Amino acid sequence: MDILELIHSRRSIRKFEDRPVAESIIDSLL
């Protein structure tokens, strides 16, 4: 996954759901 893609996905997820799901995904990738 590209970093820009990850950031874009995180923003999209935050728009759809106001939950810490994106943060969990990022932590898993890191």
N, C-alpha and C. Protein backbone atom coordinates (compact mmCIF):
# COMPACT_ATOMS: atom_id res chain seq x y z
N MET A 1 0.84 -1.20 0.00
CA MET A 1 0.00 0.00 0.00
C MET A 1 0.87 1.25 0.00
N ASP A 2 0.46 2.24 -0.76
CA ASP A 2 1.22 3.48 -0.82
C ASP A 2 0.82 4.37 0.36
N ILE A 3 1.75 5.19 0.80
CA ILE A 3 1.46 6.08 1.95
C ILE A 3 0.33 7.04 1.60
N LEU A 4 0.37 7.61 0.41
CA LEU A 4 -0.69 8.54 0.01
C LEU A 4 -2.03 7.82 -0.02
N GLU A 5 -2.01 6.58 -0.51
CA GLU A 5 -3.26 5.80 -0.54
C GLU A 5 -3.77 5.59 0.87
N LEU A 6 -2.85 5.28 1.78
CA LEU A 6 -3.23 5.04 3.17
C LEU A 6 -3.88 6.29 3.77
N ILE A 7 -3.26 7.44 3.54
CA ILE A 7 -3.80 8.69 4.08
C ILE A 7 -5.18 8.96 3.48
N HIS A 8 -5.31 8.77 2.17
CA HIS A 8 -6.59 9.01 1.51
C HIS A 8 -7.66 8.07 2.07
N SER A 9 -7.28 6.82 2.27
CA SER A 9 -8.23 5.84 2.80
C SER A 9 -8.65 6.23 4.21
N ARG A 10 -7.68 6.66 5.00
CA ARG A 10 -7.99 7.05 6.38
C ARG A 10 -8.99 8.19 6.39
N ARG A 11 -8.77 9.18 5.53
CA ARG A 11 -9.69 10.32 5.49
C ARG A 11 -11.08 9.86 5.07
N SER A 12 -11.14 8.96 4.10
CA SER A 12 -12.44 8.46 3.63
C SER A 12 -13.15 7.73 4.75
N ILE A 13 -12.42 6.88 5.47
CA ILE A 13 -13.03 6.13 6.57
C ILE A 13 -13.54 7.09 7.64
N ARG A 14 -12.76 8.11 7.94
CA ARG A 14 -13.17 9.06 8.98
C ARG A 14 -14.44 9.79 8.55
N LYS A 15 -14.58 10.04 7.25
CA LYS A 15 -15.80 10.72 6.77
C LYS A 15 -17.00 9.80 6.93
N PHE A 16 -16.81 8.50 6.62
CA PHE A 16 -17.92 7.56 6.72
C PHE A 16 -18.25 7.24 8.17
N GLU A 17 -17.22 6.93 8.95
CA GLU A 17 -17.45 6.56 10.35
C GLU A 17 -16.50 7.33 11.26
N ASP A 18 -17.06 7.88 12.32
CA ASP A 18 -16.22 8.62 13.27
C ASP A 18 -15.75 7.65 14.35
N ARG A 19 -14.94 6.67 13.90
CA ARG A 19 -14.45 5.66 14.85
C ARG A 19 -12.94 5.50 14.67
N PRO A 20 -12.25 5.04 15.69
CA PRO A 20 -10.78 4.85 15.63
C PRO A 20 -10.38 3.62 14.82
N VAL A 21 -11.13 3.30 13.78
CA VAL A 21 -10.80 2.13 12.96
C VAL A 21 -9.56 2.41 12.14
N ALA A 22 -9.49 3.60 11.55
CA ALA A 22 -8.34 3.96 10.71
C ALA A 22 -7.05 3.88 11.53
N GLU A 23 -7.09 4.38 12.75
CA GLU A 23 -5.89 4.37 13.59
C GLU A 23 -5.43 2.94 13.84
N SER A 24 -6.37 2.04 14.05
CA SER A 24 -6.01 0.64 14.29
C SER A 24 -5.34 0.05 13.05
N ILE A 25 -5.87 0.38 11.88
CA ILE A 25 -5.28 -0.14 10.63
C ILE A 25 -3.86 0.38 10.48
N ILE A 26 -3.66 1.66 10.76
CA ILE A 26 -2.32 2.24 10.63
C ILE A 26 -1.37 1.58 11.61
N ASP A 27 -1.81 1.38 12.84
CA ASP A 27 -0.95 0.74 13.84
C ASP A 27 -0.56 -0.66 13.37
N SER A 28 -1.51 -1.36 12.76
CA SER A 28 -1.22 -2.72 12.30
C SER A 28 -0.17 -2.69 11.19
N LEU A 29 -0.30 -1.74 10.27
CA LEU A 29 0.66 -1.65 9.16
C LEU A 29 2.03 -1.24 9.67
N LEU A 30 2.07 -0.35 10.66
CA LEU A 30 3.35 0.10 11.19
C LEU A 30 3.97 -1.02 12.03
